[in-house]
């Protein structure tokens, strides 16, 4: 009976061996890994790349629009036209007489009716870049500010500049009648009239004053106390003039050319 029992036991043990074959049978299930080959799906992302190629098309379309801004540049060329306007306007003698009478100003060098024509008039505070070669009579009822120089040389007859208020300039040359009711302020004032003109001021404030055959007279009360000049060269006294402004005589010791000296002044 024991021998049979062992045989039966062995027989049962052997019978269980086929059960292990089931475990091996599961190995083929792992062969599903190749199914992960989803890489082709990424090819859809690459297919979107051509869509980005549209961006350059937008950049080219906007470039011509900027060219319209350059087309507007010629419109700015109209600005210089405004600079031609001058506060001085041509008037008649009667208008000059009325303007001076309105402020009670009577020119000290002669009657208003004797002022030479043509006439130019400005009212109020006036600013000019420069004032040169006056022809006839220029009248300013107010103050006159000149950024550069005042050069009153004869064009046709003796010129006149009549200002009821103050005058401010860089350098002043006058071969004329120069009348300033207020104060004449400048770096240099040169009178070169030759006896038939003159300078009349309510006050004078200058670094250098040169008078060649020119009278310098004050108008109003206390005028002499309002003449201030660091250097005064009156060629009626050559020795004193040379000591005060020696560079005057470096040009021509025999006959000082006042206008040439005016042109050499620093600017």
C-alpha atoms as a PDB file:
ATOM      1  CA  UNK A   1       0.000   0.000   0.000  1.00  0.00           C
ATOM      2  CA  UNK A   2       2.868   2.384   0.783  1.00  0.00           C
ATOM      3  CA  UNK A   3       4.399   1.679  -2.599  1.00  0.00           C
ATOM      4  CA  UNK A   4       1.164   2.609  -4.249  1.00  0.00           C
ATOM      5  CA  UNK A   5       0.908   5.698  -2.164  1.00  0.00           C
ATOM      6  CA  UNK A   6       4.345   6.940  -3.314  1.00  0.00           C
ATOM      7  CA  UNK A   7       3.489   6.170  -6.895  1.00  0.00           C
ATOM      8  CA  UNK A   8       0.308   8.113  -6.600  1.00  0.00           C
ATOM      9  CA  UNK A   9       2.199  10.985  -4.934  1.00  0.00           C
ATOM     10  CA  UNK A  10       4.767  11.116  -7.668  1.00  0.00           C
ATOM     11  CA  UNK A  11       2.064  10.892 -10.208  1.00  0.00           C
ATOM     12  CA  UNK A  12       0.416  14.017  -8.657  1.00  0.00           C
ATOM     13  CA  UNK A  13       3.741  15.834  -8.575  1.00  0.00           C
ATOM     14  CA  UNK A  14       4.323  15.185 -12.237  1.00  0.00           C
ATOM     15  CA  UNK A  15       0.843  16.164 -13.045  1.00  0.00           C
ATOM     16  CA  UNK A  16       1.518  19.696 -11.655  1.00  0.00           C
ATOM     17  CA  UNK A  17       4.458  20.231 -14.073  1.00  0.00           C
ATOM     18  CA  UNK A  18       2.240  21.248 -16.945  1.00  0.00           C
ATOM     19  CA  UNK A  19       0.920  24.128 -14.769  1.00  0.00           C
ATOM     20  CA  UNK A  20       4.292  25.917 -15.155  1.00  0.00           C
ATOM     21  CA  UNK A  21       3.796  25.904 -18.886  1.00  0.00           C
ATOM     22  CA  UNK A  22       0.998  28.429 -18.377  1.00  0.00           C
ATOM     23  CA  UNK A  23       3.501  30.912 -16.941  1.00  0.00           C
ATOM     24  CA  UNK A  24       5.632  30.659 -20.058  1.00  0.00           C
ATOM     25  CA  UNK A  25       2.584  31.113 -22.179  1.00  0.00           C
ATOM     26  CA  UNK A  26       2.249  34.675 -20.779  1.00  0.00           C
ATOM     27  CA  UNK A  27       5.589  35.703 -22.290  1.00  0.00           C
ATOM     28  CA  UNK A  28       4.092  36.403 -25.709  1.00  0.00           C
ATOM     29  CA  UNK A  29       1.883  39.066 -24.068  1.00  0.00           C
ATOM     30  CA  UNK A  30       4.951  41.279 -23.700  1.00  0.00           C
ATOM     31  CA  UNK A  31       5.312  41.315 -27.443  1.00  0.00           C
ATOM     32  CA  UNK A  32       2.714  44.124 -27.472  1.00  0.00           C
ATOM     33  CA  UNK A  33       5.508  46.677 -26.729  1.00  0.00           C
ATOM     34  CA  UNK A  34       6.073  47.378 -30.447  1.00  0.00           C
ATOM     35  CA  UNK A  35       2.556  48.812 -30.476  1.00  0.00           C
ATOM     36  CA  UNK A  36       4.071  51.949 -28.875  1.00  0.00           C
ATOM     37  CA  UNK A  37       5.393  53.068 -32.251  1.00  0.00           C
ATOM     38  CA  UNK A  38       3.232  56.225 -32.102  1.00  0.00           C
ATOM     39  CA  UNK A  39       6.167  58.314 -33.418  1.00  0.00           C
ATOM     40  CA  UNK A  40       4.350  59.012 -36.697  1.00  0.00           C
ATOM     41  CA  UNK A  41       1.810  60.975 -34.631  1.00  0.00           C
ATOM     42  CA  UNK A  42       4.510  63.665 -34.078  1.00  0.00           C
ATOM     43  CA  UNK A  43       4.613  64.180 -37.783  1.00  0.00           C
ATOM     44  CA  UNK A  44       1.404  66.182 -37.350  1.00  0.00           C
ATOM     45  CA  UNK A  45       3.345  68.777 -35.359  1.00  0.00           C
ATOM     46  CA  UNK A  46       5.808  69.183 -38.234  1.00  0.00           C
ATOM     47  CA  UNK A  47       2.923  69.642 -40.582  1.00  0.00           C
ATOM     48  CA  UNK A  48       2.064  72.897 -38.698  1.00  0.00           C
ATOM     49  CA  UNK A  49       5.460  74.439 -39.538  1.00  0.00           C
ATOM     50  CA  UNK A  50       4.316  75.738 -42.959  1.00  0.00           C
ATOM     51  CA  UNK A  51       1.688  77.850 -41.131  1.00  0.00           C
ATOM     52  CA  UNK A  52       4.493  79.973 -39.595  1.00  0.00           C
ATOM     53  CA  UNK A  53       5.714  80.862 -43.062  1.00  0.00           C
ATOM     54  CA  UNK A  54       2.868  83.428 -43.272  1.00  0.00           C
ATOM     55  CA  UNK A  55       4.649  85.808 -40.850  1.00  0.00           C
ATOM     56  CA  UNK A  56       7.085  87.228 -43.471  1.00  0.00           C
ATOM     57  CA  UNK A  57       4.140  88.113 -45.676  1.00  0.00           C
ATOM     58  CA  UNK A  58       2.802  90.522 -42.977  1.00  0.00           C
ATOM     59  CA  UNK A  59       6.172  92.277 -42.600  1.00  0.00           C
ATOM     60  CA  UNK A  60       6.344  93.082 -46.321  1.00  0.00           C
ATOM     61  CA  UNK A  61       2.802  94.390 -46.385  1.00  0.00           C
ATOM     62  CA  UNK A  62       3.479  96.968 -43.595  1.00  0.00           C
ATOM     63  CA  UNK A  63       6.729  98.350 -45.072  1.00  0.00           C
ATOM     64  CA  UNK A  64       5.045 100.396 -47.861  1.00  0.00           C
ATOM     65  CA  UNK A  65       2.776 102.042 -45.264  1.00  0.00           C
ATOM     66  CA  UNK A  66       5.792 103.772 -43.624  1.00  0.00           C
ATOM     67  CA  UNK A  67       6.706 105.367 -46.920  1.00  0.00           C
ATOM     68  CA  UNK A  68       3.657 107.649 -46.559  1.00  0.00           C
ATOM     69  CA  UNK A  69       5.314 109.413 -43.591  1.00  0.00           C
ATOM     70  CA  UNK A  70       8.240 110.526 -45.779  1.00  0.00           C
ATOM     71  CA  UNK A  71       5.846 112.006 -48.298  1.00  0.00           C
ATOM     72  CA  UNK A  72       4.758 114.605 -45.683  1.00  0.00           C
ATOM     73  CA  UNK A  73       8.285 116.071 -45.309  1.00  0.00           C
ATOM     74  CA  UNK A  74       7.883 118.719 -48.080  1.00  0.00           C
ATOM     75  CA  UNK A  75       5.052 120.337 -46.079  1.00  0.00           C
ATOM     76  CA  UNK A  76       7.596 121.542 -43.464  1.00  0.00           C
ATOM     77  CA  UNK A  77       9.365 123.658 -46.050  1.00  0.00           C
ATOM     78  CA  UNK A  78       6.708 126.360 -45.563  1.00  0.00           C
ATOM     79  CA  UNK A  79       8.067 127.369 -42.120  1.00  0.00           C
ATOM     80  CA  UNK A  80      10.869 129.707 -43.381  1.00  0.00           C
ATOM     81  CA  UNK A  81       8.238 131.934 -45.017  1.00  0.00           C
ATOM     82  CA  UNK A  82       7.165 133.172 -41.560  1.00  0.00           C
ATOM     83  CA  UNK A  83      10.680 134.471 -40.769  1.00  0.00           C
ATOM     84  CA  UNK A  84      10.366 137.126 -43.515  1.00  0.00           C
ATOM     85  CA  UNK A  85       7.776 139.140 -41.641  1.00  0.00           C
ATOM     86  CA  UNK A  86       9.147 142.392 -40.174  1.00  0.00           C
ATOM     87  CA  UNK A  87       7.599 144.529 -37.439  1.00  0.00           C
ATOM     88  CA  UNK A  88       8.678 147.614 -39.412  1.00  0.00           C
ATOM     89  CA  UNK A  89       6.055 148.746 -41.922  1.00  0.00           C
ATOM     90  CA  UNK A  90       6.151 151.546 -44.467  1.00  0.00           C
ATOM     91  CA  UNK A  91       4.010 154.552 -43.493  1.00  0.00           C
ATOM     92  CA  UNK A  92       3.471 158.190 -44.373  1.00  0.00           C
ATOM     93  CA  UNK A  93       4.957 161.162 -42.580  1.00  0.00           C
ATOM     94  CA  UNK A  94       1.548 161.963 -41.072  1.00  0.00           C
ATOM     95  CA  UNK A  95       1.421 158.522 -39.421  1.00  0.00           C
ATOM     96  CA  UNK A  96       4.911 159.066 -37.956  1.00  0.00           C
ATOM     97  CA  UNK A  97       3.894 162.480 -36.614  1.00  0.00           C
ATOM     98  CA  UNK A  98       0.767 161.054 -34.947  1.00  0.00           C
ATOM     99  CA  UNK A  99       2.685 158.115 -33.410  1.00  0.00           C
ATOM    100  CA  UNK A 100       5.350 160.376 -31.849  1.00  0.00           C
ATOM    101  CA  UNK A 101       2.776 162.932 -30.692  1.00  0.00           C
ATOM    102  CA  UNK A 102       0.797 160.161 -28.969  1.00  0.00           C
ATOM    103  CA  UNK A 103       3.716 159.520 -26.581  1.00  0.00           C
ATOM    104  CA  UNK A 104       4.824 163.159 -26.393  1.00  0.00           C
ATOM    105  CA  UNK A 105       8.196 162.560 -28.038  1.00  0.00           C
ATOM    106  CA  UNK A 106       9.815 165.379 -30.008  1.00  0.00           C
ATOM    107  CA  UNK A 107      13.090 164.445 -31.773  1.00  0.00           C
ATOM    108  CA  UNK A 108      15.890 166.711 -30.460  1.00  0.00           C
ATOM    109  CA  UNK A 109      17.716 166.938 -33.773  1.00  0.00           C
ATOM    110  CA  UNK A 110      14.934 168.589 -35.755  1.00  0.00           C
ATOM    111  CA  UNK A 111      11.247 168.986 -36.429  1.00  0.00           C
ATOM    112  CA  UNK A 112       9.337 165.797 -37.236  1.00  0.00           C
ATOM    113  CA  UNK A 113       8.247 167.256 -40.560  1.00  0.00           C
ATOM    114  CA  UNK A 114      11.919 167.588 -41.541  1.00  0.00           C
ATOM    115  CA  UNK A 115      12.682 163.841 -41.176  1.00  0.00           C
ATOM    116  CA  UNK A 116      13.746 162.405 -44.555  1.00  0.00           C
ATOM    117  CA  UNK A 117      11.603 159.831 -46.357  1.00  0.00           C
ATOM    118  CA  UNK A 118      10.850 156.958 -46.825  1.00  0.00           C
ATOM    119  CA  UNK A 119       9.380 156.209 -43.395  1.00  0.00           C
ATOM    120  CA  UNK A 120       9.187 152.919 -41.496  1.00  0.00           C
ATOM    121  CA  UNK A 121       7.325 152.555 -38.202  1.00  0.00           C
ATOM    122  CA  UNK A 122       6.976 149.930 -35.462  1.00  0.00           C
ATOM    123  CA  UNK A 123       4.904 150.167 -32.284  1.00  0.00           C
ATOM    124  CA  UNK A 124       5.679 148.456 -28.961  1.00  0.00           C
ATOM    125  CA  UNK A 125       8.670 146.283 -28.047  1.00  0.00           C
ATOM    126  CA  UNK A 126      10.472 145.254 -31.229  1.00  0.00           C
ATOM    127  CA  UNK A 127      13.096 142.530 -31.764  1.00  0.00           C
ATOM    128  CA  UNK A 128      15.221 142.333 -34.921  1.00  0.00           C
ATOM    129  CA  UNK A 129      18.070 140.046 -35.924  1.00  0.00           C
ATOM    130  CA  UNK A 130      20.012 143.068 -37.156  1.00  0.00           C
ATOM    131  CA  UNK A 131      19.455 146.578 -38.503  1.00  0.00           C
ATOM    132  CA  UNK A 132      21.634 147.752 -41.383  1.00  0.00           C
ATOM    133  CA  UNK A 133      21.907 150.508 -43.958  1.00  0.00           C
ATOM    134  CA  UNK A 134      18.791 152.460 -43.121  1.00  0.00           C
ATOM    135  CA  UNK A 135      17.304 154.510 -45.913  1.00  0.00           C
ATOM    136  CA  UNK A 136      15.197 157.481 -44.814  1.00  0.00           C
ATOM    137  CA  UNK A 137      13.799 157.367 -41.277  1.00  0.00           C
ATOM    138  CA  UNK A 138      13.039 154.384 -39.040  1.00  0.00           C
ATOM    139  CA  UNK A 139      10.879 155.137 -36.001  1.00  0.00           C
ATOM    140  CA  UNK A 140      10.181 152.750 -33.121  1.00  0.00           C
ATOM    141  CA  UNK A 141       7.643 153.920 -30.559  1.00  0.00           C
ATOM    142  CA  UNK A 142       8.767 151.626 -27.762  1.00  0.00           C
ATOM    143  CA  UNK A 143      11.918 149.579 -27.092  1.00  0.00           C
ATOM    144  CA  UNK A 144      14.200 148.111 -29.745  1.00  0.00           C
ATOM    145  CA  UNK A 145      16.256 144.958 -29.199  1.00  0.00           C
ATOM    146  CA  UNK A 146      18.696 143.916 -31.925  1.00  0.00           C
ATOM    147  CA  UNK A 147      20.243 140.454 -31.539  1.00  0.00           C
ATOM    148  CA  UNK A 148      23.210 141.363 -33.736  1.00  0.00           C
ATOM    149  CA  UNK A 149      24.537 144.725 -34.860  1.00  0.00           C
ATOM    150  CA  UNK A 150      23.122 148.113 -35.762  1.00  0.00           C
ATOM    151  CA  UNK A 151      25.054 149.439 -38.773  1.00  0.00           C
ATOM    152  CA  UNK A 152      23.668 152.795 -39.903  1.00  0.00           C
ATOM    153  CA  UNK A 153      25.569 153.649 -43.074  1.00  0.00           C
ATOM    154  CA  UNK A 154      24.375 156.078 -45.710  1.00  0.00           C
ATOM    155  CA  UNK A 155      22.439 154.531 -48.547  1.00  0.00           C
ATOM    156  CA  UNK A 156      20.735 157.574 -50.079  1.00  0.00           C
ATOM    157  CA  UNK A 157      21.114 160.631 -47.899  1.00  0.00           C
ATOM    158  CA  UNK A 158      21.617 160.812 -44.155  1.00  0.00           C
ATOM    159  CA  UNK A 159      19.686 158.038 -42.375  1.00  0.00           C
ATOM    160  CA  UNK A 160      17.736 158.466 -39.126  1.00  0.00           C
ATOM    161  CA  UNK A 161      16.903 156.003 -36.379  1.00  0.00           C
ATOM    162  CA  UNK A 162      14.514 157.352 -33.759  1.00  0.00           C
ATOM    163  CA  UNK A 163      13.565 155.138 -30.796  1.00  0.00           C
ATOM    164  CA  UNK A 164      11.448 156.530 -27.977  1.00  0.00           C
ATOM    165  CA  UNK A 165      12.471 153.807 -25.511  1.00  0.00           C
ATOM    166  CA  UNK A 166      15.639 151.745 -24.907  1.00  0.00           C
ATOM    167  CA  UNK A 167      17.931 150.215 -27.519  1.00  0.00           C
ATOM    168  CA  UNK A 168      19.958 147.041 -26.922  1.00  0.00           C
ATOM    169  CA  UNK A 169      22.447 145.671 -29.466  1.00  0.00           C
ATOM    170  CA  UNK A 170      25.815 143.926 -29.748  1.00  0.00           C
ATOM    171  CA  UNK A 171      27.742 146.648 -31.631  1.00  0.00           C
ATOM    172  CA  UNK A 172      26.466 149.985 -33.002  1.00  0.00           C
ATOM    173  CA  UNK A 173      27.941 151.939 -35.893  1.00  0.00           C
ATOM    174  CA  UNK A 174      26.280 155.246 -36.768  1.00  0.00           C
ATOM    175  CA  UNK A 175      27.020 157.445 -39.756  1.00  0.00           C
ATOM    176  CA  UNK A 176      23.620 158.974 -39.118  1.00  0.00           C
ATOM    177  CA  UNK A 177      21.310 160.665 -36.678  1.00  0.00           C
ATOM    178  CA  UNK A 178      20.752 158.149 -33.880  1.00  0.00           C
ATOM    179  CA  UNK A 179      18.151 159.248 -31.331  1.00  0.00           C
ATOM    180  CA  UNK A 180      17.364 157.065 -28.301  1.00  0.00           C
ATOM    181  CA  UNK A 181      14.920 158.407 -25.741  1.00  0.00           C
ATOM    182  CA  UNK A 182      15.907 155.770 -23.182  1.00  0.00           C
ATOM    183  CA  UNK A 183      19.258 154.016 -22.688  1.00  0.00           C
ATOM    184  CA  UNK A 184      21.494 152.780 -25.501  1.00  0.00           C
ATOM    185  CA  UNK A 185      23.233 149.600 -24.296  1.00  0.00           C
ATOM    186  CA  UNK A 186      25.883 147.823 -26.397  1.00  0.00           C
ATOM    187  CA  UNK A 187      29.387 146.412 -26.228  1.00  0.00           C
ATOM    188  CA  UNK A 188      30.676 149.012 -28.670  1.00  0.00           C
ATOM    189  CA  UNK A 189      29.224 152.318 -29.919  1.00  0.00           C
ATOM    190  CA  UNK A 190      30.949 154.073 -32.825  1.00  0.00           C
ATOM    191  CA  UNK A 191      29.904 157.492 -34.071  1.00  0.00           C
ATOM    192  CA  UNK A 192      31.357 158.299 -37.508  1.00  0.00           C
ATOM    193  CA  UNK A 193      29.140 161.044 -38.862  1.00  0.00           C
ATOM    194  CA  UNK A 194      31.530 163.698 -40.088  1.00  0.00           C
ATOM    195  CA  UNK A 195      29.721 166.622 -38.519  1.00  0.00           C
ATOM    196  CA  UNK A 196      26.309 166.445 -40.246  1.00  0.00           C
ATOM    197  CA  UNK A 197      24.745 163.886 -37.899  1.00  0.00           C
ATOM    198  CA  UNK A 198      25.002 162.958 -34.254  1.00  0.00           C
ATOM    199  CA  UNK A 199      24.063 160.644 -31.391  1.00  0.00           C
ATOM    200  CA  UNK A 200      21.416 161.709 -28.869  1.00  0.00           C
ATOM    201  CA  UNK A 201      20.665 159.399 -25.945  1.00  0.00           C
ATOM    202  CA  UNK A 202      18.823 159.492 -22.668  1.00  0.00           C
ATOM    203  CA  UNK A 203      21.577 157.260 -21.287  1.00  0.00           C
ATOM    204  CA  UNK A 204      24.523 155.212 -22.547  1.00  0.00           C
ATOM    205  CA  UNK A 205      25.919 151.946 -21.205  1.00  0.00           C
ATOM    206  CA  UNK A 206      28.811 150.528 -23.231  1.00  0.00           C
ATOM    207  CA  UNK A 207      32.210 148.923 -22.877  1.00  0.00           C
ATOM    208  CA  UNK A 208      33.853 150.985 -25.634  1.00  0.00           C
ATOM    209  CA  UNK A 209      32.775 154.276 -27.223  1.00  0.00           C
ATOM    210  CA  UNK A 210      34.519 155.764 -30.252  1.00  0.00           C
ATOM    211  CA  UNK A 211      33.597 159.236 -31.531  1.00  0.00           C
ATOM    212  CA  UNK A 212      34.993 160.444 -34.853  1.00  0.00           C
ATOM    213  CA  UNK A 213      33.730 163.929 -35.761  1.00  0.00           C
ATOM    214  CA  UNK A 214      30.540 163.011 -33.938  1.00  0.00           C
ATOM    215  CA  UNK A 215      28.721 164.758 -31.131  1.00  0.00           C
ATOM    216  CA  UNK A 216      27.387 162.656 -28.249  1.00  0.00           C
ATOM    217  CA  UNK A 217      24.609 164.508 -26.481  1.00  0.00           C
ATOM    218  CA  UNK A 218      22.247 163.545 -23.711  1.00  0.00           C
ATOM    219  CA  UNK A 219      18.551 164.332 -23.664  1.00  0.00           C
ATOM    220  CA  UNK A 220      16.273 164.551 -20.663  1.00  0.00           C
ATOM    221  CA  UNK A 221      17.206 165.439 -17.114  1.00  0.00           C
ATOM    222  CA  UNK A 222      20.419 164.257 -15.517  1.00  0.00           C
ATOM    223  CA  UNK A 223      21.746 162.936 -18.806  1.00  0.00           C
ATOM    224  CA  UNK A 224      25.458 163.354 -18.057  1.00  0.00           C
ATOM    225  CA  UNK A 225      25.214 161.097 -15.038  1.00  0.00           C
ATOM    226  CA  UNK A 226      23.817 158.335 -17.234  1.00  0.00           C
ATOM    227  CA  UNK A 227      26.821 158.055 -19.557  1.00  0.00           C
ATOM    228  CA  UNK A 228      28.791 154.930 -18.604  1.00  0.00           C
ATOM    229  CA  UNK A 229      31.687 153.663 -20.732  1.00  0.00           C
ATOM    230  CA  UNK A 230      34.769 151.723 -19.672  1.00  0.00           C
ATOM    231  CA  UNK A 231      36.779 153.098 -22.611  1.00  0.00           C
ATOM    232  CA  UNK A 232      36.012 156.399 -24.351  1.00  0.00           C
ATOM    233  CA  UNK A 233      38.016 157.460 -27.385  1.00  0.00           C
ATOM    234  CA  UNK A 234      37.101 160.880 -28.770  1.00  0.00           C
ATOM    235  CA  UNK A 235      39.349 161.515 -31.772  1.00  0.00           C
ATOM    236  CA  UNK A 236      39.180 165.233 -31.111  1.00  0.00           C
ATOM    237  CA  UNK A 237      41.869 164.356 -28.553  1.00  0.00           C
ATOM    238  CA  UNK A 238      44.058 161.799 -30.399  1.00  0.00           C
ATOM    239  CA  UNK A 239      46.536 161.249 -27.557  1.00  0.00           C
ATOM    240  CA  UNK A 240      43.806 160.397 -25.075  1.00  0.00           C
ATOM    241  CA  UNK A 241      41.976 158.300 -27.672  1.00  0.00           C
ATOM    242  CA  UNK A 242      45.089 156.262 -28.442  1.00  0.00           C
ATOM    243  CA  UNK A 243      45.646 155.614 -24.771  1.00  0.00           C
ATOM    244  CA  UNK A 244      42.025 154.554 -24.262  1.00  0.00           C
ATOM    245  CA  UNK A 245      41.613 152.382 -27.395  1.00  0.00           C
ATOM    246  CA  UNK A 246      45.078 151.702 -28.881  1.00  0.00           C
ATOM    247  CA  UNK A 247      43.843 149.170 -31.456  1.00  0.00           C
ATOM    248  CA  UNK A 248      42.093 152.008 -33.306  1.00  0.00           C
ATOM    249  CA  UNK A 249      45.440 153.378 -34.435  1.00  0.00           C
ATOM    250  CA  UNK A 250      46.891 150.050 -35.504  1.00  0.00           C
ATOM    251  CA  UNK A 251      44.765 150.129 -38.653  1.00  0.00           C
ATOM    252  CA  UNK A 252      45.879 153.536 -39.943  1.00  0.00           C
ATOM    253  CA  UNK A 253      47.687 155.955 -37.597  1.00  0.00           C
ATOM    254  CA  UNK A 254      47.057 158.913 -39.950  1.00  0.00           C
ATOM    255  CA  UNK A 255      43.305 158.498 -40.493  1.00  0.00           C
ATOM    256  CA  UNK A 256      41.458 156.075 -38.239  1.00  0.00           C
ATOM    257  CA  UNK A 257      38.964 154.119 -40.419  1.00  0.00           C
ATOM    258  CA  UNK A 258      36.077 153.821 -37.975  1.00  0.00           C
ATOM    259  CA  UNK A 259      33.942 151.479 -40.105  1.00  0.00           C
ATOM    260  CA  UNK A 260      36.893 149.149 -40.712  1.00  0.00           C
ATOM    261  CA  UNK A 261      37.407 149.021 -36.953  1.00  0.00           C
ATOM    262  CA  UNK A 262      33.720 148.180 -36.560  1.00  0.00           C
ATOM    263  CA  UNK A 263      34.153 145.207 -38.917  1.00  0.00           C
ATOM    264  CA  UNK A 264      37.070 143.850 -36.849  1.00  0.00           C
ATOM    265  CA  UNK A 265      35.047 143.668 -33.633  1.00  0.00           C
ATOM    266  CA  UNK A 266      34.562 140.151 -32.226  1.00  0.00           C
ATOM    267  CA  UNK A 267      31.236 138.484 -33.005  1.00  0.00           C
END
